[in-house]
Amino acid sequence: MDVFGKTRKEKSAPLGAEVSFHRISWQNSGRMSTVSAPGNIHYHNVPRGGLKPETRDFSQIVFILSGHIIEDANGEKRPLSPNTAVFIRPDDIHGWEAPPKMETCEMLVFSFELELFLTLSEYFEDDSFLQRYTESVLPPVFRLDGREINDLSVKLLSINSAKIPISVSRVKLKLALAELFVSCFLDGELTGDFMPEWLNQLCELMRKEENFVPGLKRMQQLSGYTPEYLCKAFRKYLNKTPTEFINELRINFAARLLSDTELPIGEIAYRLNFQSLSRFYHLFNRIYHMSPAKYRLKSMGLKYL
């Protein structure tokens, strides 16, 4: 039994896949407990030892939305951070453990049967991407853009709506899976490739609210590098400026506040240190292609599907 996805013998046919949201809180001892809500949403209290590694007869893509977690895969352990996607294959011996600070972790789990995966190979008319998917010892892990992972989460969770016919949901799942594999295995790079460790650590620190709200000054304090050197490094390894990186973090956090809270839009902009409401609206529209108010209405609508 994989509590963060499907059971071993459970079949999601005719859909061939399952999308679920999980919020994992850790406890020092005791048994695991789970509370589930409509829309395939689950809240877990898990002993810090986590879940025993095991294989499964289906594939999974796990999106880490917030918090950190330790992946125990094929005899090795590695930390996973927000805005990463890990591709778990059926033969991987895989489990989860609590991070050192036992912080709460939120993840979206996309579980799918091999039949759905094979149709993807036929669709591409090219099996080369399968080599990258299967060749590594550990499950492949990619870092995604914050907006990209938010959009994927909304898109995948909306497929759970009972109002959508199974045939339409199946097509949408295939399209989402194809888009993700192209983005990662054909266009993307595995996490840790080429990026200097100091920059990787700086990016992790800047993803915390207490750091991205103060912005550039905090980034310079944490890094110890000059603004010119930071700009050169961000452009080289991330293809964006430090200011663009920070604004994306702020806007993505604003999107979560719009979706999960009833805070007024002006209060959200002020909390995230935007100098004006018009600047906040401009950046939000540039990243999400809609206004903050429209995004909130859209998110509320999906919750009640």
Protein backbone atom coordinates (compact mmCIF):
# COMPACT_ATOMS: atom_id res chain seq x y z
CA MET A 1 0.00 0.00 0.00
CA ASP A 2 1.33 3.40 -1.01
CA VAL A 3 -0.63 5.96 1.04
CA PHE A 4 0.71 8.81 -1.09
CA GLY A 5 -0.83 7.33 -4.23
CA LYS A 6 -2.76 4.24 -5.33
CA THR A 7 -2.89 0.88 -3.61
CA ARG A 8 -0.96 -1.86 -5.32
CA LYS A 9 -3.99 -3.70 -6.62
CA GLU A 10 -6.25 -0.70 -7.09
CA LYS A 11 -7.11 0.00 -10.72
CA SER A 12 -8.14 3.48 -11.80
CA ALA A 13 -9.45 2.18 -15.16
CA PRO A 14 -10.95 3.46 -17.35
CA LEU A 15 -8.97 6.61 -16.51
CA GLY A 16 -5.67 4.77 -16.01
CA ALA A 17 -4.35 7.41 -13.62
CA GLU A 18 -4.99 9.16 -10.32
CA VAL A 19 -4.20 12.66 -9.08
CA SER A 20 -4.06 13.33 -5.33
CA PHE A 21 -2.92 16.08 -2.97
CA HIS A 22 -1.11 15.21 0.29
CA ARG A 23 -0.13 17.34 3.27
CA ILE A 24 2.36 15.47 5.48
CA SER A 25 2.97 16.45 9.08
CA TRP A 26 5.53 14.53 11.14
CA GLN A 27 5.37 13.20 14.71
CA ASN A 28 8.08 11.68 16.89
CA SER A 29 6.22 8.45 17.57
CA GLY A 30 2.91 6.65 17.17
CA ARG A 31 1.05 5.29 14.20
CA MET A 32 0.31 7.01 10.94
CA SER A 33 -3.15 8.57 10.62
CA THR A 34 -4.88 10.10 7.60
CA VAL A 35 -7.88 12.39 7.15
CA SER A 36 -9.26 12.63 3.63
CA ALA A 37 -11.39 15.31 1.98
CA PRO A 38 -13.33 15.49 -1.29
CA GLY A 39 -11.25 15.99 -4.40
CA ASN A 40 -8.72 13.29 -3.40
CA ILE A 41 -7.10 15.52 -0.77
CA HIS A 42 -5.38 13.84 2.18
CA TYR A 43 -3.84 15.06 5.44
CA HIS A 44 -1.32 12.69 7.04
CA ASN A 45 0.35 12.52 10.45
CA VAL A 46 3.39 10.30 9.91
CA PRO A 47 6.04 9.00 12.38
CA ARG A 48 9.39 10.61 11.59
CA GLY A 49 10.73 7.26 10.37
CA GLY A 50 8.40 7.69 7.41
CA LEU A 51 7.22 4.98 5.06
CA LYS A 52 9.14 1.80 4.41
CA PRO A 53 10.65 1.71 0.90
CA GLU A 54 8.78 -0.57 -1.52
CA THR A 55 8.19 -1.12 -5.21
CA ARG A 56 4.86 -0.48 -6.92
CA ASP A 57 3.15 -1.71 -10.08
CA PHE A 58 2.55 1.78 -11.43
CA SER A 59 4.56 4.93 -12.10
CA GLN A 60 4.35 8.17 -10.12
CA ILE A 61 5.35 11.78 -10.59
CA VAL A 62 5.54 13.59 -7.25
CA PHE A 63 5.55 17.39 -7.22
CA ILE A 64 6.94 18.94 -4.03
CA LEU A 65 4.84 22.07 -3.55
CA SER A 66 6.11 23.29 -0.19
CA GLY A 67 8.37 22.15 2.62
CA HIS A 68 11.16 19.59 2.41
CA ILE A 69 11.17 15.80 2.61
CA ILE A 70 13.78 13.00 2.51
CA GLU A 71 13.46 10.55 -0.35
CA ASP A 72 14.65 6.99 0.37
CA ALA A 73 15.20 5.48 -3.07
CA ASN A 74 17.10 2.33 -4.10
CA GLY A 75 19.21 2.33 -0.95
CA GLU A 76 20.15 6.04 -1.05
CA LYS A 77 18.64 9.03 0.69
CA ARG A 78 18.46 12.56 -0.67
CA PRO A 79 16.56 15.71 0.34
CA LEU A 80 13.89 17.10 -1.97
CA SER A 81 12.93 20.77 -1.92
CA PRO A 82 9.95 22.82 -3.16
CA ASN A 83 9.30 23.19 -6.90
CA THR A 84 10.85 19.84 -7.77
CA ALA A 85 9.33 16.87 -9.55
CA VAL A 86 10.53 13.32 -8.92
CA PHE A 87 9.71 10.56 -11.44
CA ILE A 88 9.26 7.27 -9.55
CA ARG A 89 9.40 4.16 -11.71
CA PRO A 90 7.70 0.83 -10.91
CA ASP A 91 11.00 -0.92 -10.12
CA ASP A 92 12.28 1.79 -7.78
CA ILE A 93 12.40 0.77 -4.11
CA HIS A 94 11.00 4.02 -2.81
CA GLY A 95 9.89 5.56 0.49
CA TRP A 96 9.79 8.86 2.43
CA GLU A 97 11.32 10.11 5.69
CA ALA A 98 11.05 13.28 7.75
CA PRO A 99 13.52 16.12 7.08
CA PRO A 100 15.79 17.21 9.97
CA LYS A 101 13.47 20.03 11.06
CA MET A 102 10.35 17.86 10.59
CA GLU A 103 8.67 20.63 8.61
CA THR A 104 5.30 20.04 6.99
CA CYS A 105 5.47 19.05 3.33
CA GLU A 106 2.81 19.42 0.64
CA MET A 107 2.93 17.31 -2.50
CA LEU A 108 0.84 16.52 -5.53
CA VAL A 109 1.03 12.88 -6.67
CA PHE A 110 0.26 11.83 -10.23
CA SER A 111 0.04 8.02 -10.36
CA PHE A 112 -0.46 6.32 -13.71
CA GLU A 113 -0.48 2.82 -15.15
CA LEU A 114 2.03 1.60 -17.71
CA GLU A 115 -0.63 1.46 -20.42
CA LEU A 116 -1.00 5.24 -20.25
CA PHE A 117 2.77 5.61 -20.38
CA LEU A 118 3.07 3.44 -23.49
CA THR A 119 0.53 5.56 -25.36
CA LEU A 120 2.79 8.52 -24.64
CA SER A 121 5.68 6.74 -26.36
CA GLU A 122 3.48 6.09 -29.40
CA TYR A 123 2.39 9.72 -29.43
CA PHE A 124 5.99 10.98 -29.52
CA GLU A 125 6.96 8.42 -32.19
CA ASP A 126 10.34 8.45 -30.49
CA ASP A 127 11.58 6.36 -27.56
CA SER A 128 14.73 8.40 -26.90
CA PHE A 129 13.17 10.17 -23.93
CA LEU A 130 12.60 6.77 -22.31
CA GLN A 131 16.35 6.31 -21.97
CA ARG A 132 16.66 9.38 -19.74
CA TYR A 133 13.64 8.19 -17.78
CA THR A 134 15.04 4.71 -17.10
CA GLU A 135 18.85 4.97 -17.26
CA SER A 136 19.62 6.66 -13.91
CA VAL A 137 20.02 4.62 -10.73
CA LEU A 138 17.90 7.05 -8.74
CA PRO A 139 14.50 8.36 -9.84
CA PRO A 140 15.05 11.42 -12.07
CA VAL A 141 14.42 14.73 -10.31
CA PHE A 142 13.86 18.06 -12.06
CA ARG A 143 13.40 21.58 -10.78
CA LEU A 144 10.36 23.34 -12.21
CA ASP A 145 9.49 27.00 -12.45
CA GLY A 146 7.15 28.09 -9.65
CA ARG A 147 4.46 29.25 -12.06
CA GLU A 148 4.77 26.02 -14.03
CA ILE A 149 4.26 23.81 -10.98
CA ASN A 150 1.30 25.93 -9.79
CA ASP A 151 -0.37 25.72 -13.21
CA LEU A 152 0.22 21.96 -13.38
CA SER A 153 -1.26 21.49 -9.90
CA VAL A 154 -4.44 23.38 -10.77
CA LYS A 155 -4.73 21.59 -14.12
CA LEU A 156 -4.22 18.10 -12.67
CA LEU A 157 -6.51 18.58 -9.67
CA SER A 158 -9.28 19.91 -11.90
CA ILE A 159 -9.28 16.54 -13.70
CA ASN A 160 -10.68 15.00 -10.50
CA SER A 161 -13.97 16.83 -11.08
CA ALA A 162 -16.93 14.49 -11.36
CA LYS A 163 -18.42 16.91 -13.89
CA ILE A 164 -15.77 16.03 -16.49
CA PRO A 165 -16.50 12.89 -18.58
CA ILE A 166 -13.97 10.07 -18.21
CA SER A 167 -13.06 10.28 -21.91
CA VAL A 168 -12.23 13.99 -21.59
CA SER A 169 -10.27 13.47 -18.35
CA ARG A 170 -8.20 10.75 -19.99
CA VAL A 171 -7.27 13.03 -22.91
CA LYS A 172 -6.36 15.85 -20.51
CA LEU A 173 -4.17 13.51 -18.46
CA LYS A 174 -2.32 12.34 -21.55
CA LEU A 175 -1.75 15.92 -22.67
CA ALA A 176 -0.50 16.94 -19.21
CA LEU A 177 1.84 13.93 -19.09
CA ALA A 178 3.17 14.63 -22.59
CA GLU A 179 3.77 18.29 -21.78
CA LEU A 180 5.62 17.40 -18.59
CA PHE A 181 7.87 14.80 -20.22
CA VAL A 182 8.77 17.19 -23.03
CA SER A 183 9.51 19.97 -20.54
CA CYS A 184 11.72 17.76 -18.37
CA PHE A 185 13.26 14.97 -20.43
CA LEU A 186 13.61 16.76 -23.76
CA ASP A 187 14.07 20.42 -22.77
CA GLY A 188 14.99 20.34 -19.09
CA GLU A 189 18.04 19.51 -17.02
CA LEU A 190 18.25 17.26 -13.98
CA THR A 191 18.62 19.14 -10.71
CA GLY A 192 22.18 19.68 -9.60
CA ASP A 193 23.56 19.71 -13.15
CA PHE A 194 26.16 22.44 -13.65
CA MET A 195 24.74 24.93 -11.11
CA PRO A 196 27.32 25.82 -8.43
CA GLU A 197 26.49 24.59 -4.94
CA TRP A 198 26.59 28.11 -3.48
CA LEU A 199 23.95 29.26 -5.98
CA ASN A 200 21.78 26.22 -5.34
CA GLN A 201 21.90 26.88 -1.59
CA LEU A 202 21.19 30.59 -2.12
CA CYS A 203 18.11 29.78 -4.19
CA GLU A 204 16.87 27.45 -1.44
CA LEU A 205 17.30 30.18 1.18
CA MET A 206 15.58 32.76 -0.99
CA ARG A 207 12.49 30.54 -1.32
CA LYS A 208 11.68 31.31 2.33
CA GLU A 209 9.21 34.13 2.88
CA GLU A 210 11.50 35.91 5.35
CA ASN A 211 14.08 36.18 2.58
CA PHE A 212 12.18 36.82 -0.65
CA VAL A 213 10.06 39.58 0.92
CA PRO A 214 13.10 41.80 1.75
CA GLY A 215 14.39 40.93 -1.72
CA LEU A 216 17.71 41.88 -3.28
CA LYS A 217 19.32 43.28 -0.14
CA ARG A 218 18.69 40.00 1.70
CA MET A 219 20.01 38.01 -1.27
CA GLN A 220 23.25 40.00 -1.26
CA GLN A 221 23.63 39.57 2.51
CA LEU A 222 23.11 35.81 2.27
CA SER A 223 25.43 35.32 -0.70
CA GLY A 224 28.28 37.68 0.15
CA TYR A 225 28.68 38.45 -3.57
CA THR A 226 28.41 41.79 -5.35
CA PRO A 227 25.19 42.66 -7.26
CA GLU A 228 27.13 42.47 -10.53
CA TYR A 229 28.42 38.95 -9.82
CA LEU A 230 24.98 37.75 -8.72
CA CYS A 231 23.40 39.11 -11.89
CA LYS A 232 26.01 37.36 -14.04
CA ALA A 233 25.53 34.03 -12.22
CA PHE A 234 21.72 34.13 -12.37
CA ARG A 235 21.76 34.95 -16.07
CA LYS A 236 24.25 32.17 -16.80
CA TYR A 237 22.62 29.35 -14.80
CA LEU A 238 18.95 30.37 -14.51
CA ASN A 239 18.52 32.62 -17.56
CA LYS A 240 16.98 35.39 -15.46
CA THR A 241 18.08 38.29 -13.29
CA PRO A 242 18.04 38.14 -9.47
CA THR A 243 15.13 40.63 -9.52
CA GLU A 244 13.13 38.39 -11.88
CA PHE A 245 13.86 35.37 -9.66
CA ILE A 246 12.68 37.20 -6.52
CA ASN A 247 9.57 38.60 -8.19
CA GLU A 248 8.60 35.12 -9.39
CA LEU A 249 8.90 33.83 -5.82
CA ARG A 250 6.74 36.69 -4.55
CA ILE A 251 4.10 36.28 -7.24
CA ASN A 252 3.92 32.50 -6.81
CA PHE A 253 3.48 32.97 -3.08
CA ALA A 254 0.81 35.59 -3.79
CA ALA A 255 -1.02 33.04 -5.96
CA ARG A 256 -1.10 30.61 -3.03
CA LEU A 257 -2.43 33.32 -0.71
CA LEU A 258 -5.12 34.22 -3.25
CA SER A 259 -6.14 30.57 -3.51
CA ASP A 260 -5.88 29.54 0.15
CA THR A 261 -6.85 32.69 2.10
CA GLU A 262 -9.36 35.52 2.02
CA LEU A 263 -6.76 38.25 2.47
CA PRO A 264 -7.56 41.39 0.43
CA ILE A 265 -5.46 41.77 -2.71
CA GLY A 266 -4.01 45.08 -1.51
CA GLU A 267 -2.94 43.47 1.78
CA ILE A 268 -1.19 40.64 -0.10
CA ALA A 269 0.71 43.15 -2.24
CA TYR A 270 1.77 45.10 0.86
CA ARG A 271 2.81 41.92 2.69
CA LEU A 272 5.07 40.93 -0.21
CA ASN A 273 6.77 44.33 -0.28
CA PHE A 274 5.53 45.55 -3.65
CA GLN A 275 5.95 49.31 -3.96
CA SER A 276 2.55 49.80 -5.60
CA LEU A 277 -0.62 47.86 -6.32
CA SER A 278 -0.27 48.56 -10.04
CA ARG A 279 3.23 47.02 -10.03
CA PHE A 280 1.82 43.91 -8.31
CA TYR A 281 -1.00 43.63 -10.87
CA HIS A 282 1.44 44.08 -13.75
CA LEU A 283 3.82 41.32 -12.57
CA PHE A 284 1.01 38.94 -11.64
CA ASN A 285 -0.62 39.34 -15.05
CA ARG A 286 2.73 38.85 -16.80
CA ILE A 287 3.36 35.53 -15.02
CA TYR A 288 -0.18 34.09 -14.75
CA HIS A 289 -1.76 35.86 -17.74
CA MET A 290 -4.71 37.03 -15.67
CA SER A 291 -5.41 39.50 -12.89
CA PRO A 292 -5.12 38.50 -9.19
CA ALA A 293 -8.90 38.88 -8.81
CA LYS A 294 -9.59 36.55 -11.75
CA TYR A 295 -7.05 34.02 -10.45
CA ARG A 296 -8.83 33.98 -7.07
CA LEU A 297 -12.22 33.43 -8.69
CA LYS A 298 -10.81 30.64 -10.86
CA SER A 299 -9.19 28.92 -7.87
CA MET A 300 -12.37 29.16 -5.81
CA GLY A 301 -14.36 27.67 -8.66
CA LEU A 302 -12.04 24.66 -8.91
CA LYS A 303 -12.36 23.98 -5.17
CA TYR A 304 -16.09 23.50 -5.48
CA LEU A 305 -16.14 21.38 -8.63
